[in-house]
Amino acid sequence: MPPQIQNAFENWSPAVPLALTLLLATIVYLRGWLYLRSRSVNFIPAWRAASFLIGAFLIWVALGSPLAALDEELLTVHMIQHLLLMTLAPPLILLGAPVMPFLHGLPRRFMQSVLSPLLRWSPARWLGRVLSQPAVCWLAAAAALVGWHIPAAFTLALQSEPWHVVEHACFLGSGFLFWWPVVQPWPSVPRWPRWSRWSMLLYLFLATLPCDILSAFLAFCDRVVYTVYLSTPNHFAVSSLKDQQCAGALMWTCVTFVYLLAAAILTTRLLSARRSRENEMLQSDLPATLPTRRNSQPIEA
């Protein structure tokens, strides 16, 4: 085993609370998914369940695996964590349509005594409506991305464990908010007109701009932006400037690819839905029988 990897395993301490939380969430989800499958009610395909499991696993990789032991040595590793928490794990989990499986996977008594009153509580419903607005989701993700990459905030999170936890929570939470209007996890119903679904393409394009600016700044800057990495031990024999350039290039590549893929899938679905509606309109306008010549039988449509 390379000494760098061995050192990561030596410095790694399992994040037991995180692992237990993810394990519990997975058990509840699978319990609800199996219940729905056995009843054949709103059946969620197996690929959605697999998507949820992969997303939960990526959260563990970012925060609980030996990878987390290297974020104080390499900015590239820190950037991988951010990308996993904001760009990859949230859409995969939302594609798993987690709402209904969780509702059916939680204990019935907990649902009736705690969750149901909370969901009917007016302030909670108002907060949910506000947080589901695309503009709010976009601004939250942009603010988390830019705010935590300010050198002072970045250094604070790297040197303080409580603030490090807050940073990761902000990235993960803003990631869920950002992807919610794009994925629209079942059984959510959009509150805006159907035509505005096309505006999600602009939504994704505009989201690339803060990422592109930040990644370009990191990749082409001729000085080390986060000077805290100059004083931390580095077992990879990579200069801090090269590490910074690699982190910027990784961010630009990953975000561009994921957002383009999401835009392509969304465009395909919208065009397919439009074609289906056009076919339905043509069939509804088509008469049951076509006009025929005299003394001839009607021709069935």
Protein backbone atom coordinates (compact mmCIF):
# COMPACT_ATOMS: atom_id res chain seq x y z
CA MET A 1 0.00 0.00 0.00
CA PRO A 2 1.41 3.45 -0.88
CA PRO A 3 2.57 5.37 2.19
CA GLN A 4 0.16 8.23 1.45
CA ILE A 5 -2.84 5.91 1.52
CA GLN A 6 -1.51 4.12 4.57
CA ASN A 7 -1.15 7.44 6.36
CA ALA A 8 -4.76 8.29 5.49
CA PHE A 9 -5.99 5.05 7.03
CA GLU A 10 -3.87 5.65 10.14
CA ASN A 11 -5.34 9.13 10.63
CA TRP A 12 -8.87 8.01 9.82
CA SER A 13 -11.35 7.62 12.65
CA PRO A 14 -14.75 6.14 11.71
CA ALA A 15 -17.56 8.68 11.97
CA VAL A 16 -19.88 6.44 13.96
CA PRO A 17 -22.80 8.92 14.33
CA LEU A 18 -22.78 9.63 10.61
CA ALA A 19 -22.61 5.94 9.72
CA LEU A 20 -25.47 5.10 12.09
CA THR A 21 -27.58 7.96 10.72
CA LEU A 22 -27.08 6.88 7.12
CA LEU A 23 -27.70 3.24 8.03
CA LEU A 24 -30.94 4.14 9.82
CA ALA A 25 -32.11 6.28 6.90
CA THR A 26 -31.35 3.44 4.49
CA ILE A 27 -33.26 0.91 6.61
CA VAL A 28 -36.29 3.21 6.88
CA TYR A 29 -36.24 3.87 3.13
CA LEU A 30 -35.95 0.20 2.21
CA ARG A 31 -38.69 -0.72 4.69
CA GLY A 32 -41.05 1.79 3.09
CA TRP A 33 -40.00 0.80 -0.43
CA LEU A 34 -40.63 -2.89 0.25
CA TYR A 35 -44.01 -2.03 1.79
CA LEU A 36 -45.05 -0.08 -1.31
CA ARG A 37 -43.77 -2.83 -3.56
CA SER A 38 -45.72 -5.51 -1.70
CA ARG A 39 -48.90 -3.43 -1.99
CA SER A 40 -48.20 -2.46 -5.62
CA VAL A 41 -49.21 1.07 -4.64
CA ASN A 42 -47.24 3.90 -6.28
CA PHE A 43 -44.55 1.37 -6.99
CA ILE A 44 -41.09 2.92 -7.17
CA PRO A 45 -38.80 1.12 -9.64
CA ALA A 46 -35.73 -0.68 -8.36
CA TRP A 47 -33.41 1.73 -10.13
CA ARG A 48 -34.73 4.56 -7.98
CA ALA A 49 -34.01 2.60 -4.82
CA ALA A 50 -30.51 1.91 -6.12
CA SER A 51 -30.08 5.62 -6.83
CA PHE A 52 -30.99 6.44 -3.23
CA LEU A 53 -28.51 3.88 -1.88
CA ILE A 54 -25.70 5.20 -4.08
CA GLY A 55 -26.41 8.76 -2.97
CA ALA A 56 -26.31 7.76 0.71
CA PHE A 57 -23.06 5.89 0.09
CA LEU A 58 -21.50 8.97 -1.54
CA ILE A 59 -22.32 11.01 1.58
CA TRP A 60 -20.45 8.44 3.63
CA VAL A 61 -17.52 8.54 1.19
CA ALA A 62 -17.34 12.32 1.52
CA LEU A 63 -17.62 12.54 5.30
CA GLY A 64 -16.99 9.14 6.87
CA SER A 65 -14.46 7.31 4.71
CA PRO A 66 -10.63 7.61 4.82
CA LEU A 67 -11.02 10.29 2.15
CA ALA A 68 -12.12 12.68 4.89
CA ALA A 69 -8.74 12.26 6.59
CA LEU A 70 -7.00 13.85 3.60
CA ASP A 71 -9.00 17.06 3.27
CA GLU A 72 -6.54 18.93 5.52
CA GLU A 73 -3.63 17.94 3.27
CA LEU A 74 -5.02 18.50 -0.22
CA LEU A 75 -7.45 21.07 -1.53
CA THR A 76 -8.32 18.61 -4.29
CA VAL A 77 -9.66 16.16 -1.72
CA HIS A 78 -11.60 18.97 -0.04
CA MET A 79 -13.08 19.84 -3.44
CA ILE A 80 -14.07 16.20 -4.00
CA GLN A 81 -15.99 16.34 -0.72
CA HIS A 82 -17.81 19.49 -1.80
CA LEU A 83 -18.72 18.01 -5.18
CA LEU A 84 -20.01 14.81 -3.62
CA LEU A 85 -22.15 16.74 -1.12
CA MET A 86 -23.54 19.37 -3.50
CA THR A 87 -23.45 17.94 -7.01
CA LEU A 88 -23.69 14.16 -6.88
CA ALA A 89 -25.30 12.80 -3.72
CA PRO A 90 -28.40 15.09 -3.54
CA PRO A 91 -29.76 14.43 -7.06
CA LEU A 92 -29.20 10.69 -6.67
CA ILE A 93 -31.09 10.64 -3.38
CA LEU A 94 -33.92 12.77 -4.79
CA LEU A 95 -34.16 10.49 -7.82
CA GLY A 96 -34.91 7.75 -5.32
CA ALA A 97 -38.27 9.48 -4.62
CA PRO A 98 -37.60 9.30 -0.86
CA VAL A 99 -40.78 10.98 0.40
CA MET A 100 -43.24 8.08 0.16
CA PRO A 101 -40.80 5.35 1.25
CA PHE A 102 -39.88 7.37 4.34
CA LEU A 103 -43.53 8.04 5.17
CA HIS A 104 -44.31 4.32 4.96
CA GLY A 105 -41.04 3.20 6.51
CA LEU A 106 -41.27 5.20 9.73
CA PRO A 107 -43.19 3.73 12.68
CA ARG A 108 -46.88 4.46 12.47
CA ARG A 109 -47.02 5.90 16.00
CA PHE A 110 -44.21 8.33 15.20
CA MET A 111 -46.02 9.38 12.04
CA GLN A 112 -49.31 10.02 13.83
CA SER A 113 -47.95 11.75 16.93
CA VAL A 114 -44.99 13.74 15.57
CA LEU A 115 -44.66 13.97 11.81
CA SER A 116 -48.30 14.41 10.78
CA PRO A 117 -48.93 17.38 13.13
CA LEU A 118 -45.64 18.90 11.98
CA LEU A 119 -46.60 18.59 8.30
CA ARG A 120 -49.98 20.22 9.01
CA TRP A 121 -48.41 23.06 11.02
CA SER A 122 -48.92 26.34 9.13
CA PRO A 123 -45.39 27.76 9.63
CA ALA A 124 -43.88 24.47 8.43
CA ARG A 125 -46.09 24.47 5.33
CA TRP A 126 -45.20 28.12 4.62
CA LEU A 127 -41.49 27.37 5.03
CA GLY A 128 -41.79 24.44 2.65
CA ARG A 129 -43.45 26.62 0.00
CA VAL A 130 -40.74 29.25 0.32
CA LEU A 131 -37.84 26.79 0.21
CA SER A 132 -39.26 25.04 -2.86
CA GLN A 133 -39.16 28.20 -4.96
CA PRO A 134 -36.48 27.88 -7.69
CA ALA A 135 -35.07 31.35 -7.03
CA VAL A 136 -34.58 30.56 -3.34
CA CYS A 137 -33.01 27.19 -4.16
CA TRP A 138 -30.61 28.76 -6.66
CA LEU A 139 -29.57 31.58 -4.32
CA ALA A 140 -29.03 29.20 -1.41
CA ALA A 141 -26.70 26.99 -3.45
CA ALA A 142 -24.78 29.95 -4.87
CA ALA A 143 -24.43 31.56 -1.43
CA ALA A 144 -23.13 28.33 0.12
CA LEU A 145 -20.65 27.78 -2.71
CA VAL A 146 -19.24 31.30 -2.79
CA GLY A 147 -19.48 31.99 0.94
CA TRP A 148 -17.58 28.96 2.13
CA HIS A 149 -14.86 29.43 -0.49
CA ILE A 150 -13.98 32.87 0.85
CA PRO A 151 -10.48 32.31 2.29
CA ALA A 152 -11.40 33.43 5.82
CA ALA A 153 -14.47 31.15 5.99
CA PHE A 154 -12.59 28.28 4.37
CA THR A 155 -9.73 28.55 6.86
CA LEU A 156 -12.15 28.76 9.78
CA ALA A 157 -13.89 25.55 8.70
CA LEU A 158 -10.58 23.77 8.18
CA GLN A 159 -9.21 24.71 11.60
CA SER A 160 -12.40 24.31 13.64
CA GLU A 161 -14.21 20.96 13.71
CA PRO A 162 -17.63 22.41 14.67
CA TRP A 163 -17.45 24.92 11.81
CA HIS A 164 -16.28 22.12 9.52
CA VAL A 165 -19.49 20.24 10.34
CA VAL A 166 -21.53 23.39 9.68
CA GLU A 167 -19.78 23.83 6.33
CA HIS A 168 -20.58 20.28 5.25
CA ALA A 169 -24.18 20.64 6.42
CA CYS A 170 -24.53 23.83 4.36
CA PHE A 171 -23.18 22.14 1.25
CA LEU A 172 -25.43 19.11 1.63
CA GLY A 173 -28.54 21.12 2.52
CA SER A 174 -28.05 23.63 -0.29
CA GLY A 175 -27.42 20.72 -2.65
CA PHE A 176 -30.82 19.24 -1.83
CA LEU A 177 -32.47 22.64 -2.25
CA PHE A 178 -30.76 23.25 -5.59
CA TRP A 179 -31.72 19.92 -7.12
CA TRP A 180 -35.29 19.85 -5.78
CA PRO A 181 -36.91 21.94 -8.57
CA VAL A 182 -34.84 20.13 -11.19
CA VAL A 183 -35.59 16.55 -10.13
CA GLN A 184 -39.04 17.23 -8.64
CA PRO A 185 -39.02 14.01 -6.61
CA TRP A 186 -42.23 12.04 -6.60
CA PRO A 187 -44.84 12.73 -5.31
CA SER A 188 -44.15 16.47 -5.43
CA VAL A 189 -46.37 18.46 -7.76
CA PRO A 190 -44.96 21.60 -9.44
CA ARG A 191 -46.71 24.80 -8.45
CA TRP A 192 -45.59 26.66 -11.55
CA PRO A 193 -46.92 26.30 -15.12
CA ARG A 194 -45.69 23.46 -17.31
CA TRP A 195 -44.02 25.79 -19.74
CA SER A 196 -41.70 27.05 -17.02
CA ARG A 197 -40.13 23.60 -16.80
CA TRP A 198 -38.11 24.78 -19.77
CA SER A 199 -36.74 27.53 -17.52
CA MET A 200 -34.89 24.81 -15.60
CA LEU A 201 -32.42 24.76 -18.49
CA LEU A 202 -31.65 28.42 -17.80
CA TYR A 203 -31.60 27.59 -14.08
CA LEU A 204 -28.86 25.00 -14.67
CA PHE A 205 -26.92 27.25 -17.01
CA LEU A 206 -26.89 30.15 -14.56
CA ALA A 207 -25.78 27.78 -11.82
CA THR A 208 -22.62 27.01 -13.76
CA LEU A 209 -21.52 30.66 -13.70
CA PRO A 210 -20.47 30.90 -10.01
CA CYS A 211 -18.77 27.52 -10.33
CA ASP A 212 -16.96 28.55 -13.52
CA ILE A 213 -15.76 31.82 -11.99
CA LEU A 214 -14.51 30.14 -8.83
CA SER A 215 -12.89 27.21 -10.62
CA ALA A 216 -11.19 29.51 -13.14
CA PHE A 217 -9.88 31.68 -10.32
CA LEU A 218 -8.42 28.65 -8.54
CA ALA A 219 -6.99 27.12 -11.71
CA PHE A 220 -5.33 30.23 -13.15
CA CYS A 221 -4.34 32.14 -10.03
CA ASP A 222 -0.55 32.40 -9.68
CA ARG A 223 -0.61 32.31 -5.89
CA VAL A 224 -1.97 29.99 -3.23
CA VAL A 225 -5.41 31.28 -2.23
CA TYR A 226 -5.85 29.15 0.88
CA THR A 227 -2.57 29.69 2.69
CA VAL A 228 -3.56 27.24 5.42
CA TYR A 229 -2.36 24.47 3.11
CA LEU A 230 1.13 25.94 3.14
CA SER A 231 1.54 25.03 6.81
CA THR A 232 -0.13 21.61 6.84
CA PRO A 233 1.83 18.37 6.32
CA ASN A 234 1.65 17.03 2.78
CA HIS A 235 2.53 13.40 2.11
CA PHE A 236 1.76 13.51 -1.62
CA ALA A 237 4.75 15.57 -2.79
CA VAL A 238 2.42 17.97 -4.60
CA SER A 239 2.93 21.71 -4.31
CA SER A 240 0.07 23.72 -2.87
CA LEU A 241 -0.25 25.71 -6.11
CA LYS A 242 -0.49 22.57 -8.26
CA ASP A 243 -2.99 21.14 -5.82
CA GLN A 244 -5.07 24.31 -6.10
CA GLN A 245 -4.99 24.21 -9.90
CA CYS A 246 -6.06 20.57 -9.89
CA ALA A 247 -8.95 21.37 -7.54
CA GLY A 248 -10.15 24.17 -9.80
CA ALA A 249 -9.97 21.99 -12.92
CA LEU A 250 -11.79 19.18 -11.14
CA MET A 251 -14.57 21.50 -10.05
CA TRP A 252 -15.07 22.93 -13.54
CA THR A 253 -15.07 19.50 -15.21
CA CYS A 254 -17.40 17.77 -12.76
CA VAL A 255 -19.96 20.59 -12.50
CA THR A 256 -20.05 21.14 -16.26
CA PHE A 257 -20.53 17.43 -16.99
CA VAL A 258 -23.23 16.87 -14.35
CA TYR A 259 -25.22 19.99 -15.28
CA LEU A 260 -25.02 19.22 -19.00
CA LEU A 261 -26.18 15.68 -18.33
CA ALA A 262 -29.10 16.96 -16.24
CA ALA A 263 -30.03 19.46 -18.96
CA ALA A 264 -29.90 16.77 -21.65
CA ILE A 265 -32.13 14.41 -19.65
CA LEU A 266 -34.58 17.19 -18.84
CA THR A 267 -34.75 18.31 -22.48
CA THR A 268 -35.38 14.75 -23.63
CA ARG A 269 -38.21 14.30 -21.13
CA LEU A 270 -39.83 17.62 -22.03
CA LEU A 271 -39.68 16.91 -25.76
CA SER A 272 -41.08 13.42 -25.19
CA ALA A 273 -43.95 14.80 -23.11
CA ARG A 274 -44.67 17.44 -25.75
CA ARG A 275 -44.74 14.82 -28.51
CA SER A 276 -47.12 12.67 -26.47
CA ARG A 277 -49.49 15.60 -25.94
CA GLU A 278 -49.44 16.41 -29.66
CA ASN A 279 -50.29 12.81 -30.52
CA GLU A 280 -53.15 12.83 -28.04
CA MET A 281 -54.52 16.05 -29.54
CA LEU A 282 -54.35 14.62 -33.07
CA GLN A 283 -56.16 11.48 -32.00
CA SER A 284 -58.86 13.45 -30.20
CA ASP A 285 -59.43 15.66 -33.26
CA LEU A 286 -59.58 12.71 -35.67
CA PRO A 287 -63.23 11.75 -36.45
CA ALA A 288 -64.40 8.23 -35.78
CA THR A 289 -65.16 7.70 -39.47
CA LEU A 290 -63.77 9.42 -42.54
CA PRO A 291 -66.10 10.76 -45.29
CA THR A 292 -66.66 8.21 -48.03
CA ARG A 293 -68.10 8.15 -51.52
CA ARG A 294 -71.69 7.27 -52.13
CA ASN A 295 -72.58 3.60 -51.93
CA SER A 296 -69.30 2.79 -50.20
CA GLN A 297 -68.70 1.56 -46.66
CA PRO A 298 -67.24 3.91 -44.10
CA ILE A 299 -63.54 3.61 -43.58
CA GLU A 300 -62.64 3.18 -39.97
CA ALA A 301 -60.06 5.61 -38.67
